[in-house]
């Protein structure tokens, strides 16, 4: 005879059976029409949304057996999806990165997953979708130990979805007005940058990242081609005030630099202003050096503009 205290256990087990069947977790490759298991897809997802990962980090993040992970990475390496090399932080560790083909594969998996979830949501009345999202967030927060607990959400980087590019414009305009007194000229500049990227960018050489925390966007950065051959430009780094202190800025800049280096750029440049002290400290930690600065009046305020540069590879 079951006891009342057994009810939560039965409910959770029933929910697990229901949800794994609903999303096709037991037959992932057929569900998304891809030749990868759910575990392999999770590994690709983590590698695609972090600036760098060692094998030990990956094992801890996904709670995988060391031998099993090693065999899985060997399979992906043989397929040309990942590369393994000694870690710069600790030569005793293995640093795992996606190849160009691996990034394309991870992007395809993200796209198929988004389509699958979109199809699932299409069966839910629009008025019920916020309640569904809130309920799922509640489950994560409770079982994850709460936002401040050991199991709290960690920052996640992803590609922009519908509405995210508009979010970049809106949040840049609002934050720079509130923190530095910029006028609408700055909003116009950001809008032009975003419009140019949305209308015409090369996904193999240019990329935008959205940082997400607890299911909401809290930061962004862009890597775009510069006019100078072999040069990438870092643009529009932003982190929401209430999300600062999680290392999100470092994560965004690290992802941008790793991407630029991985696709073959020789150098990365950026333009900023001296009032952005926290951002400049991040750039310096990643190896950028100040190459020029000059005063100017823009966006309704007097500023000291700065050009920064990072060598990614030696010029042939």
C-alpha atoms as a PDB file:
ATOM      1  CA  UNK A   1       0.000   0.000   0.000  1.00  0.00           C
ATOM      2  CA  UNK A   2       1.561   3.354  -0.988  1.00  0.00           C
ATOM      3  CA  UNK A   3       2.018   6.051   1.628  1.00  0.00           C
ATOM      4  CA  UNK A   4       1.164   9.747   1.178  1.00  0.00           C
ATOM      5  CA  UNK A   5       4.895  10.561   1.229  1.00  0.00           C
ATOM      6  CA  UNK A   6       5.325   8.415  -1.892  1.00  0.00           C
ATOM      7  CA  UNK A   7       3.145  10.752  -3.966  1.00  0.00           C
ATOM      8  CA  UNK A   8       5.938  13.171  -5.078  1.00  0.00           C
ATOM      9  CA  UNK A   9       8.110  10.226  -6.126  1.00  0.00           C
ATOM     10  CA  UNK A  10       5.339   8.719  -8.237  1.00  0.00           C
ATOM     11  CA  UNK A  11       4.469  12.104  -9.754  1.00  0.00           C
ATOM     12  CA  UNK A  12       8.089  12.813 -10.723  1.00  0.00           C
ATOM     13  CA  UNK A  13       8.547   9.351 -12.218  1.00  0.00           C
ATOM     14  CA  UNK A  14       5.280   9.742 -14.144  1.00  0.00           C
ATOM     15  CA  UNK A  15       6.385  13.144 -15.405  1.00  0.00           C
ATOM     16  CA  UNK A  16       9.766  11.732 -16.492  1.00  0.00           C
ATOM     17  CA  UNK A  17       8.088   8.947 -18.464  1.00  0.00           C
ATOM     18  CA  UNK A  18       5.646  11.391 -20.038  1.00  0.00           C
ATOM     19  CA  UNK A  19       8.234  14.013 -20.999  1.00  0.00           C
ATOM     20  CA  UNK A  20      10.929  11.697 -22.363  1.00  0.00           C
ATOM     21  CA  UNK A  21       8.284  10.112 -24.566  1.00  0.00           C
ATOM     22  CA  UNK A  22       6.881  13.509 -25.596  1.00  0.00           C
ATOM     23  CA  UNK A  23      10.240  14.877 -26.799  1.00  0.00           C
ATOM     24  CA  UNK A  24      11.480  11.566 -28.208  1.00  0.00           C
ATOM     25  CA  UNK A  25      14.512  11.382 -25.904  1.00  0.00           C
ATOM     26  CA  UNK A  26      14.704   7.594 -26.265  1.00  0.00           C
ATOM     27  CA  UNK A  27      14.890   7.819 -30.061  1.00  0.00           C
ATOM     28  CA  UNK A  28      16.678  11.142 -30.497  1.00  0.00           C
ATOM     29  CA  UNK A  29      18.425  10.467 -33.815  1.00  0.00           C
ATOM     30  CA  UNK A  30      15.187   9.459 -35.560  1.00  0.00           C
ATOM     31  CA  UNK A  31      13.212  12.248 -33.916  1.00  0.00           C
ATOM     32  CA  UNK A  32      15.542  14.967 -35.294  1.00  0.00           C
ATOM     33  CA  UNK A  33      16.709  13.067 -38.408  1.00  0.00           C
ATOM     34  CA  UNK A  34      20.375  13.226 -37.396  1.00  0.00           C
ATOM     35  CA  UNK A  35      22.982  10.450 -36.961  1.00  0.00           C
ATOM     36  CA  UNK A  36      23.746  11.353 -33.325  1.00  0.00           C
ATOM     37  CA  UNK A  37      22.566  10.058 -29.975  1.00  0.00           C
ATOM     38  CA  UNK A  38      21.165  12.406 -27.345  1.00  0.00           C
ATOM     39  CA  UNK A  39      24.443  12.227 -25.386  1.00  0.00           C
ATOM     40  CA  UNK A  40      26.523  13.059 -28.460  1.00  0.00           C
ATOM     41  CA  UNK A  41      24.223  15.978 -29.207  1.00  0.00           C
ATOM     42  CA  UNK A  42      24.599  17.259 -25.626  1.00  0.00           C
ATOM     43  CA  UNK A  43      28.390  17.131 -25.952  1.00  0.00           C
ATOM     44  CA  UNK A  44      28.243  19.135 -29.196  1.00  0.00           C
ATOM     45  CA  UNK A  45      25.856  21.608 -27.588  1.00  0.00           C
ATOM     46  CA  UNK A  46      28.156  22.238 -24.619  1.00  0.00           C
ATOM     47  CA  UNK A  47      31.202  22.645 -26.873  1.00  0.00           C
ATOM     48  CA  UNK A  48      29.309  25.063 -29.124  1.00  0.00           C
ATOM     49  CA  UNK A  49      28.066  27.256 -26.270  1.00  0.00           C
ATOM     50  CA  UNK A  50      31.241  27.607 -24.190  1.00  0.00           C
ATOM     51  CA  UNK A  51      34.384  29.613 -24.978  1.00  0.00           C
ATOM     52  CA  UNK A  52      36.564  26.643 -24.001  1.00  0.00           C
ATOM     53  CA  UNK A  53      36.137  23.257 -22.363  1.00  0.00           C
ATOM     54  CA  UNK A  54      38.586  20.670 -21.117  1.00  0.00           C
ATOM     55  CA  UNK A  55      37.589  17.009 -21.162  1.00  0.00           C
ATOM     56  CA  UNK A  56      37.362  17.120 -17.354  1.00  0.00           C
ATOM     57  CA  UNK A  57      34.990  20.115 -17.499  1.00  0.00           C
ATOM     58  CA  UNK A  58      32.822  18.305 -20.017  1.00  0.00           C
ATOM     59  CA  UNK A  59      32.746  15.144 -17.942  1.00  0.00           C
ATOM     60  CA  UNK A  60      31.707  17.073 -14.814  1.00  0.00           C
ATOM     61  CA  UNK A  61      29.098  19.167 -16.630  1.00  0.00           C
ATOM     62  CA  UNK A  62      27.358  16.138 -18.146  1.00  0.00           C
ATOM     63  CA  UNK A  63      28.107  13.649 -15.337  1.00  0.00           C
ATOM     64  CA  UNK A  64      29.649  11.171 -17.785  1.00  0.00           C
ATOM     65  CA  UNK A  65      31.968   8.254 -17.099  1.00  0.00           C
ATOM     66  CA  UNK A  66      35.548   9.147 -18.116  1.00  0.00           C
ATOM     67  CA  UNK A  67      35.991   6.054 -20.288  1.00  0.00           C
ATOM     68  CA  UNK A  68      32.649   6.516 -22.016  1.00  0.00           C
ATOM     69  CA  UNK A  69      33.382  10.206 -22.740  1.00  0.00           C
ATOM     70  CA  UNK A  70      36.825   9.330 -24.103  1.00  0.00           C
ATOM     71  CA  UNK A  71      35.326   6.791 -26.525  1.00  0.00           C
ATOM     72  CA  UNK A  72      32.611   9.253 -27.558  1.00  0.00           C
ATOM     73  CA  UNK A  73      35.163  12.008 -28.232  1.00  0.00           C
ATOM     74  CA  UNK A  74      37.307   9.540 -30.177  1.00  0.00           C
ATOM     75  CA  UNK A  75      34.336   8.777 -32.419  1.00  0.00           C
ATOM     76  CA  UNK A  76      33.617  12.488 -32.973  1.00  0.00           C
ATOM     77  CA  UNK A  77      37.298  13.210 -33.609  1.00  0.00           C
ATOM     78  CA  UNK A  78      37.481  10.440 -36.219  1.00  0.00           C
ATOM     79  CA  UNK A  79      34.446  11.986 -37.922  1.00  0.00           C
ATOM     80  CA  UNK A  80      36.176  15.373 -38.066  1.00  0.00           C
ATOM     81  CA  UNK A  81      33.723  16.953 -35.610  1.00  0.00           C
ATOM     82  CA  UNK A  82      36.066  17.751 -32.691  1.00  0.00           C
ATOM     83  CA  UNK A  83      39.770  18.313 -32.090  1.00  0.00           C
ATOM     84  CA  UNK A  84      41.723  17.376 -28.968  1.00  0.00           C
ATOM     85  CA  UNK A  85      44.931  19.084 -27.815  1.00  0.00           C
ATOM     86  CA  UNK A  86      46.781  19.759 -24.537  1.00  0.00           C
ATOM     87  CA  UNK A  87      45.036  22.477 -22.520  1.00  0.00           C
ATOM     88  CA  UNK A  88      46.766  25.851 -22.282  1.00  0.00           C
ATOM     89  CA  UNK A  89      45.655  26.110 -18.656  1.00  0.00           C
ATOM     90  CA  UNK A  90      47.067  22.702 -17.704  1.00  0.00           C
ATOM     91  CA  UNK A  91      49.019  20.524 -20.216  1.00  0.00           C
ATOM     92  CA  UNK A  92      47.892  17.431 -18.291  1.00  0.00           C
ATOM     93  CA  UNK A  93      44.315  18.149 -19.390  1.00  0.00           C
ATOM     94  CA  UNK A  94      42.787  17.760 -22.854  1.00  0.00           C
ATOM     95  CA  UNK A  95      41.255  20.802 -24.474  1.00  0.00           C
ATOM     96  CA  UNK A  96      38.266  19.938 -26.686  1.00  0.00           C
ATOM     97  CA  UNK A  97      37.144  22.234 -29.512  1.00  0.00           C
ATOM     98  CA  UNK A  98      34.759  21.945 -32.430  1.00  0.00           C
ATOM     99  CA  UNK A  99      36.137  21.967 -35.957  1.00  0.00           C
ATOM    100  CA  UNK A 100      34.483  24.066 -38.664  1.00  0.00           C
ATOM    101  CA  UNK A 101      32.479  20.979 -39.596  1.00  0.00           C
ATOM    102  CA  UNK A 102      31.673  20.483 -35.915  1.00  0.00           C
ATOM    103  CA  UNK A 103      30.282  24.011 -35.583  1.00  0.00           C
ATOM    104  CA  UNK A 104      28.136  23.456 -38.672  1.00  0.00           C
ATOM    105  CA  UNK A 105      26.888  20.175 -37.204  1.00  0.00           C
ATOM    106  CA  UNK A 106      26.107  21.776 -33.829  1.00  0.00           C
ATOM    107  CA  UNK A 107      24.257  24.601 -35.592  1.00  0.00           C
ATOM    108  CA  UNK A 108      22.199  22.034 -37.508  1.00  0.00           C
ATOM    109  CA  UNK A 109      21.326  20.221 -34.271  1.00  0.00           C
ATOM    110  CA  UNK A 110      20.293  23.533 -32.669  1.00  0.00           C
ATOM    111  CA  UNK A 111      18.125  24.330 -35.669  1.00  0.00           C
ATOM    112  CA  UNK A 112      16.443  20.913 -35.655  1.00  0.00           C
ATOM    113  CA  UNK A 113      15.886  21.121 -31.895  1.00  0.00           C
ATOM    114  CA  UNK A 114      14.329  24.583 -32.211  1.00  0.00           C
ATOM    115  CA  UNK A 115      12.045  23.283 -34.957  1.00  0.00           C
ATOM    116  CA  UNK A 116      11.002  20.318 -32.812  1.00  0.00           C
ATOM    117  CA  UNK A 117      10.213  22.513 -29.810  1.00  0.00           C
ATOM    118  CA  UNK A 118       8.422  25.008 -32.059  1.00  0.00           C
ATOM    119  CA  UNK A 119       6.293  22.203 -33.418  1.00  0.00           C
ATOM    120  CA  UNK A 120       5.499  21.072 -29.879  1.00  0.00           C
ATOM    121  CA  UNK A 121       4.584  24.610 -28.787  1.00  0.00           C
ATOM    122  CA  UNK A 122       2.322  25.052 -31.808  1.00  0.00           C
ATOM    123  CA  UNK A 123      -0.078  22.593 -30.161  1.00  0.00           C
ATOM    124  CA  UNK A 124      -0.239  24.748 -27.001  1.00  0.00           C
ATOM    125  CA  UNK A 125      -2.689  27.702 -26.962  1.00  0.00           C
ATOM    126  CA  UNK A 126      -0.764  31.001 -27.030  1.00  0.00           C
ATOM    127  CA  UNK A 127      -2.330  32.098 -23.728  1.00  0.00           C
ATOM    128  CA  UNK A 128      -0.967  28.967 -22.013  1.00  0.00           C
ATOM    129  CA  UNK A 129       2.642  29.247 -23.221  1.00  0.00           C
ATOM    130  CA  UNK A 130       3.850  31.724 -20.546  1.00  0.00           C
ATOM    131  CA  UNK A 131       2.357  29.481 -17.830  1.00  0.00           C
ATOM    132  CA  UNK A 132       4.117  26.461 -19.352  1.00  0.00           C
ATOM    133  CA  UNK A 133       7.464  28.293 -19.451  1.00  0.00           C
ATOM    134  CA  UNK A 134       7.034  29.491 -15.846  1.00  0.00           C
ATOM    135  CA  UNK A 135       6.238  25.959 -14.690  1.00  0.00           C
ATOM    136  CA  UNK A 136       9.342  24.565 -16.392  1.00  0.00           C
ATOM    137  CA  UNK A 137      11.478  27.326 -14.894  1.00  0.00           C
ATOM    138  CA  UNK A 138      10.061  26.497 -11.460  1.00  0.00           C
ATOM    139  CA  UNK A 139      11.000  22.831 -11.868  1.00  0.00           C
ATOM    140  CA  UNK A 140      14.583  23.789 -12.799  1.00  0.00           C
ATOM    141  CA  UNK A 141      14.924  26.221  -9.906  1.00  0.00           C
ATOM    142  CA  UNK A 142      13.559  23.829  -7.271  1.00  0.00           C
ATOM    143  CA  UNK A 143      15.457  20.747  -8.412  1.00  0.00           C
ATOM    144  CA  UNK A 144      18.552  22.834  -9.154  1.00  0.00           C
ATOM    145  CA  UNK A 145      18.753  24.142  -5.588  1.00  0.00           C
ATOM    146  CA  UNK A 146      17.400  27.636  -6.291  1.00  0.00           C
ATOM    147  CA  UNK A 147      19.062  30.474  -8.145  1.00  0.00           C
ATOM    148  CA  UNK A 148      21.759  30.905  -5.523  1.00  0.00           C
ATOM    149  CA  UNK A 149      22.361  27.232  -4.760  1.00  0.00           C
ATOM    150  CA  UNK A 150      25.012  24.842  -5.983  1.00  0.00           C
ATOM    151  CA  UNK A 151      22.760  23.693  -8.788  1.00  0.00           C
ATOM    152  CA  UNK A 152      21.871  27.213  -9.944  1.00  0.00           C
ATOM    153  CA  UNK A 153      21.745  28.018 -13.630  1.00  0.00           C
ATOM    154  CA  UNK A 154      25.022  28.969 -15.257  1.00  0.00           C
ATOM    155  CA  UNK A 155      25.443  31.429 -18.101  1.00  0.00           C
ATOM    156  CA  UNK A 156      24.780  29.878 -21.485  1.00  0.00           C
ATOM    157  CA  UNK A 157      25.810  31.192 -24.901  1.00  0.00           C
ATOM    158  CA  UNK A 158      23.618  30.609 -27.929  1.00  0.00           C
ATOM    159  CA  UNK A 159      22.941  31.994 -31.378  1.00  0.00           C
ATOM    160  CA  UNK A 160      20.235  34.649 -31.672  1.00  0.00           C
ATOM    161  CA  UNK A 161      16.659  33.559 -32.232  1.00  0.00           C
ATOM    162  CA  UNK A 162      13.669  35.557 -33.488  1.00  0.00           C
ATOM    163  CA  UNK A 163      13.552  38.922 -31.705  1.00  0.00           C
ATOM    164  CA  UNK A 164      17.050  38.704 -30.218  1.00  0.00           C
ATOM    165  CA  UNK A 165      18.626  41.136 -32.695  1.00  0.00           C
ATOM    166  CA  UNK A 166      15.941  43.669 -31.813  1.00  0.00           C
ATOM    167  CA  UNK A 167      16.673  42.998 -28.141  1.00  0.00           C
ATOM    168  CA  UNK A 168      20.339  43.920 -28.750  1.00  0.00           C
ATOM    169  CA  UNK A 169      19.303  47.311 -30.156  1.00  0.00           C
ATOM    170  CA  UNK A 170      16.811  48.010 -27.371  1.00  0.00           C
ATOM    171  CA  UNK A 171      19.089  47.021 -24.487  1.00  0.00           C
ATOM    172  CA  UNK A 172      22.121  48.882 -25.862  1.00  0.00           C
ATOM    173  CA  UNK A 173      20.050  52.053 -26.239  1.00  0.00           C
ATOM    174  CA  UNK A 174      18.461  51.764 -22.783  1.00  0.00           C
ATOM    175  CA  UNK A 175      21.609  50.836 -20.850  1.00  0.00           C
ATOM    176  CA  UNK A 176      23.926  53.389 -22.436  1.00  0.00           C
ATOM    177  CA  UNK A 177      21.339  56.122 -21.900  1.00  0.00           C
ATOM    178  CA  UNK A 178      20.898  55.148 -18.239  1.00  0.00           C
ATOM    179  CA  UNK A 179      24.572  54.588 -17.395  1.00  0.00           C
ATOM    180  CA  UNK A 180      26.388  57.149 -19.578  1.00  0.00           C
ATOM    181  CA  UNK A 181      23.776  59.602 -20.834  1.00  0.00           C
ATOM    182  CA  UNK A 182      23.987  58.605 -24.517  1.00  0.00           C
ATOM    183  CA  UNK A 183      21.282  60.063 -26.766  1.00  0.00           C
ATOM    184  CA  UNK A 184      19.360  58.381 -29.581  1.00  0.00           C
ATOM    185  CA  UNK A 185      22.314  58.760 -31.977  1.00  0.00           C
ATOM    186  CA  UNK A 186      23.751  55.667 -30.307  1.00  0.00           C
ATOM    187  CA  UNK A 187      20.533  53.706 -30.811  1.00  0.00           C
ATOM    188  CA  UNK A 188      20.666  54.630 -34.488  1.00  0.00           C
ATOM    189  CA  UNK A 189      24.260  53.392 -34.766  1.00  0.00           C
ATOM    190  CA  UNK A 190      23.441  50.053 -33.129  1.00  0.00           C
ATOM    191  CA  UNK A 191      20.332  49.666 -35.292  1.00  0.00           C
ATOM    192  CA  UNK A 192      22.420  50.147 -38.462  1.00  0.00           C
ATOM    193  CA  UNK A 193      25.017  47.608 -37.303  1.00  0.00           C
ATOM    194  CA  UNK A 194      22.300  45.062 -36.556  1.00  0.00           C
ATOM    195  CA  UNK A 195      20.413  45.743 -39.792  1.00  0.00           C
ATOM    196  CA  UNK A 196      23.581  45.255 -41.870  1.00  0.00           C
ATOM    197  CA  UNK A 197      24.302  41.980 -40.057  1.00  0.00           C
ATOM    198  CA  UNK A 198      20.734  40.681 -40.390  1.00  0.00           C
ATOM    199  CA  UNK A 199      20.516  41.473 -44.099  1.00  0.00           C
ATOM    200  CA  UNK A 200      23.948  40.277 -45.200  1.00  0.00           C
ATOM    201  CA  UNK A 201      26.439  38.278 -43.144  1.00  0.00           C
ATOM    202  CA  UNK A 202      28.559  35.213 -43.812  1.00  0.00           C
ATOM    203  CA  UNK A 203      27.696  32.589 -41.147  1.00  0.00           C
ATOM    204  CA  UNK A 204      31.061  30.897 -41.674  1.00  0.00           C
ATOM    205  CA  UNK A 205      33.026  34.070 -40.875  1.00  0.00           C
ATOM    206  CA  UNK A 206      30.637  36.160 -38.777  1.00  0.00           C
ATOM    207  CA  UNK A 207      28.642  35.300 -35.706  1.00  0.00           C
ATOM    208  CA  UNK A 208      26.539  36.758 -32.882  1.00  0.00           C
ATOM    209  CA  UNK A 209      26.176  35.288 -29.400  1.00  0.00           C
ATOM    210  CA  UNK A 210      23.382  35.817 -26.897  1.00  0.00           C
ATOM    211  CA  UNK A 211      24.220  35.086 -23.251  1.00  0.00           C
ATOM    212  CA  UNK A 212      21.329  33.538 -21.382  1.00  0.00           C
ATOM    213  CA  UNK A 213      20.880  33.177 -17.628  1.00  0.00           C
ATOM    214  CA  UNK A 214      17.870  31.564 -15.963  1.00  0.00           C
ATOM    215  CA  UNK A 215      16.118  31.409 -19.320  1.00  0.00           C
ATOM    216  CA  UNK A 216      16.429  35.094 -20.269  1.00  0.00           C
ATOM    217  CA  UNK A 217      18.908  37.023 -22.453  1.00  0.00           C
ATOM    218  CA  UNK A 218      21.433  38.977 -20.375  1.00  0.00           C
ATOM    219  CA  UNK A 219      24.297  39.746 -22.757  1.00  0.00           C
ATOM    220  CA  UNK A 220      25.600  39.753 -26.311  1.00  0.00           C
ATOM    221  CA  UNK A 221      28.620  40.197 -28.556  1.00  0.00           C
ATOM    222  CA  UNK A 222      29.296  40.091 -32.308  1.00  0.00           C
ATOM    223  CA  UNK A 223      32.219  38.979 -34.490  1.00  0.00           C
ATOM    224  CA  UNK A 224      32.094  40.545 -37.961  1.00  0.00           C
ATOM    225  CA  UNK A 225      34.507  41.010 -40.842  1.00  0.00           C
ATOM    226  CA  UNK A 226      36.502  44.216 -40.831  1.00  0.00           C
ATOM    227  CA  UNK A 227      37.448  46.143 -43.969  1.00  0.00           C
ATOM    228  CA  UNK A 228      41.099  45.091 -43.565  1.00  0.00           C
ATOM    229  CA  UNK A 229      41.799  41.614 -45.047  1.00  0.00           C
ATOM    230  CA  UNK A 230      42.196  38.856 -42.459  1.00  0.00           C
ATOM    231  CA  UNK A 231      40.778  41.047 -39.686  1.00  0.00           C
ATOM    232  CA  UNK A 232      37.740  40.405 -37.496  1.00  0.00           C
ATOM    233  CA  UNK A 233      35.987  43.110 -35.488  1.00  0.00           C
ATOM    234  CA  UNK A 234      34.418  42.568 -32.062  1.00  0.00           C
ATOM    235  CA  UNK A 235      31.265  44.657 -31.638  1.00  0.00           C
ATOM    236  CA  UNK A 236      28.444  45.419 -29.196  1.00  0.00           C
ATOM    237  CA  UNK A 237      29.644  43.612 -26.061  1.00  0.00           C
ATOM    238  CA  UNK A 238      26.943  44.057 -23.430  1.00  0.00           C
ATOM    239  CA  UNK A 239      26.039  42.459 -20.104  1.00  0.00           C
ATOM    240  CA  UNK A 240      22.908  43.385 -18.145  1.00  0.00           C
ATOM    241  CA  UNK A 241      23.703  45.070 -14.777  1.00  0.00           C
ATOM    242  CA  UNK A 242      21.893  42.426 -12.710  1.00  0.00           C
ATOM    243  CA  UNK A 243      23.813  39.630 -14.479  1.00  0.00           C
ATOM    244  CA  UNK A 244      27.296  41.036 -13.927  1.00  0.00           C
ATOM    245  CA  UNK A 245      29.645  39.092 -11.675  1.00  0.00           C
ATOM    246  CA  UNK A 246      28.938  35.726 -13.343  1.00  0.00           C
ATOM    247  CA  UNK A 247      31.875  35.979 -15.778  1.00  0.00           C
ATOM    248  CA  UNK A 248      29.500  36.502 -18.702  1.00  0.00           C
ATOM    249  CA  UNK A 249      31.624  39.247 -20.289  1.00  0.00           C
ATOM    250  CA  UNK A 250      34.698  36.998 -20.189  1.00  0.00           C
ATOM    251  CA  UNK A 251      32.684  34.128 -21.652  1.00  0.00           C
ATOM    252  CA  UNK A 252      31.361  36.271 -24.503  1.00  0.00           C
ATOM    253  CA  UNK A 253      34.741  37.761 -25.429  1.00  0.00           C
ATOM    254  CA  UNK A 254      36.390  34.340 -25.133  1.00  0.00           C
ATOM    255  CA  UNK A 255      33.840  32.804 -27.502  1.00  0.00           C
ATOM    256  CA  UNK A 256      34.348  35.648 -29.973  1.00  0.00           C
ATOM    257  CA  UNK A 257      38.147  35.304 -29.931  1.00  0.00           C
ATOM    258  CA  UNK A 258      38.064  31.509 -30.217  1.00  0.00           C
ATOM    259  CA  UNK A 259      35.659  31.685 -33.142  1.00  0.00           C
ATOM    260  CA  UNK A 260      37.806  34.257 -34.973  1.00  0.00           C
ATOM    261  CA  UNK A 261      40.936  32.207 -34.415  1.00  0.00           C
ATOM    262  CA  UNK A 262      39.200  28.990 -35.450  1.00  0.00           C
ATOM    263  CA  UNK A 263      37.999  30.317 -38.809  1.00  0.00           C
ATOM    264  CA  UNK A 264      41.410  31.739 -39.697  1.00  0.00           C
ATOM    265  CA  UNK A 265      41.400  35.465 -38.969  1.00  0.00           C
ATOM    266  CA  UNK A 266      44.904  36.845 -38.348  1.00  0.00           C
ATOM    267  CA  UNK A 267      43.834  39.595 -35.948  1.00  0.00           C
ATOM    268  CA  UNK A 268      40.834  40.990 -34.114  1.00  0.00           C
ATOM    269  CA  UNK A 269      40.175  44.674 -33.501  1.00  0.00           C
ATOM    270  CA  UNK A 270      37.595  46.678 -31.577  1.00  0.00           C
ATOM    271  CA  UNK A 271      36.672  50.287 -30.865  1.00  0.00           C
ATOM    272  CA  UNK A 272      35.463  51.404 -27.457  1.00  0.00           C
ATOM    273  CA  UNK A 273      35.541  54.382 -25.105  1.00  0.00           C
ATOM    274  CA  UNK A 274      37.603  54.873 -21.962  1.00  0.00           C
ATOM    275  CA  UNK A 275      34.487  55.186 -19.766  1.00  0.00           C
ATOM    276  CA  UNK A 276      33.837  51.438 -20.238  1.00  0.00           C
ATOM    277  CA  UNK A 277      36.365  50.359 -17.616  1.00  0.00           C
ATOM    278  CA  UNK A 278      34.977  46.883 -16.921  1.00  0.00           C
ATOM    279  CA  UNK A 279      34.884  46.006 -20.633  1.00  0.00           C
ATOM    280  CA  UNK A 280      38.430  47.278 -21.169  1.00  0.00           C
ATOM    281  CA  UNK A 281      39.653  45.061 -18.317  1.00  0.00           C
ATOM    282  CA  UNK A 282      38.075  42.047 -20.039  1.00  0.00           C
ATOM    283  CA  UNK A 283      39.746  42.924 -23.348  1.00  0.00           C
ATOM    284  CA  UNK A 284      43.126  43.181 -21.629  1.00  0.00           C
ATOM    285  CA  UNK A 285      42.680  39.792 -19.950  1.00  0.00           C
ATOM    286  CA  UNK A 286      42.162  38.255 -23.388  1.00  0.00           C
ATOM    287  CA  UNK A 287      45.332  39.819 -24.776  1.00  0.00           C
ATOM    288  CA  UNK A 288      44.033  42.947 -26.542  1.00  0.00           C
ATOM    289  CA  UNK A 289      46.423  45.917 -26.551  1.00  0.00           C
ATOM    290  CA  UNK A 290      45.580  49.613 -26.893  1.00  0.00           C
ATOM    291  CA  UNK A 291      46.931  50.948 -30.206  1.00  0.00           C
ATOM    292  CA  UNK A 292      45.332  54.399 -30.490  1.00  0.00           C
ATOM    293  CA  UNK A 293      43.025  56.819 -28.718  1.00  0.00           C
ATOM    294  CA  UNK A 294      41.545  60.215 -29.498  1.00  0.00           C
ATOM    295  CA  UNK A 295      38.890  62.498 -27.988  1.00  0.00           C
ATOM    296  CA  UNK A 296      35.579  62.946 -29.778  1.00  0.00           C
ATOM    297  CA  UNK A 297      32.044  64.127 -29.127  1.00  0.00           C
ATOM    298  CA  UNK A 298      29.409  61.543 -30.003  1.00  0.00           C
ATOM    299  CA  UNK A 299      25.993  60.462 -28.746  1.00  0.00           C
ATOM    300  CA  UNK A 300      25.613  63.806 -26.963  1.00  0.00           C
ATOM    301  CA  UNK A 301      28.670  63.449 -24.667  1.00  0.00           C
ATOM    302  CA  UNK A 302      32.433  64.056 -24.714  1.00  0.00           C
ATOM    303  CA  UNK A 303      34.367  60.791 -24.963  1.00  0.00           C
ATOM    304  CA  UNK A 304      37.848  59.364 -25.396  1.00  0.00           C
ATOM    305  CA  UNK A 305      37.673  56.744 -28.155  1.00  0.00           C
ATOM    306  CA  UNK A 306      40.108  53.829 -28.147  1.00  0.00           C
ATOM    307  CA  UNK A 307      41.235  51.272 -30.738  1.00  0.00           C
ATOM    308  CA  UNK A 308      42.330  47.862 -29.426  1.00  0.00           C
ATOM    309  CA  UNK A 309      44.003  45.005 -31.293  1.00  0.00           C
ATOM    310  CA  UNK A 310      44.664  41.303 -30.713  1.00  0.00           C
ATOM    311  CA  UNK A 311      47.037  39.232 -32.861  1.00  0.00           C
ATOM    312  CA  UNK A 312      45.461  35.846 -33.576  1.00  0.00           C
ATOM    313  CA  UNK A 313      48.123  34.418 -35.900  1.00  0.00           C
ATOM    314  CA  UNK A 314      51.396  35.480 -37.447  1.00  0.00           C
ATOM    315  CA  UNK A 315      51.101  37.171 -40.848  1.00  0.00           C
ATOM    316  CA  UNK A 316      52.423  34.782 -43.568  1.00  0.00           C
END
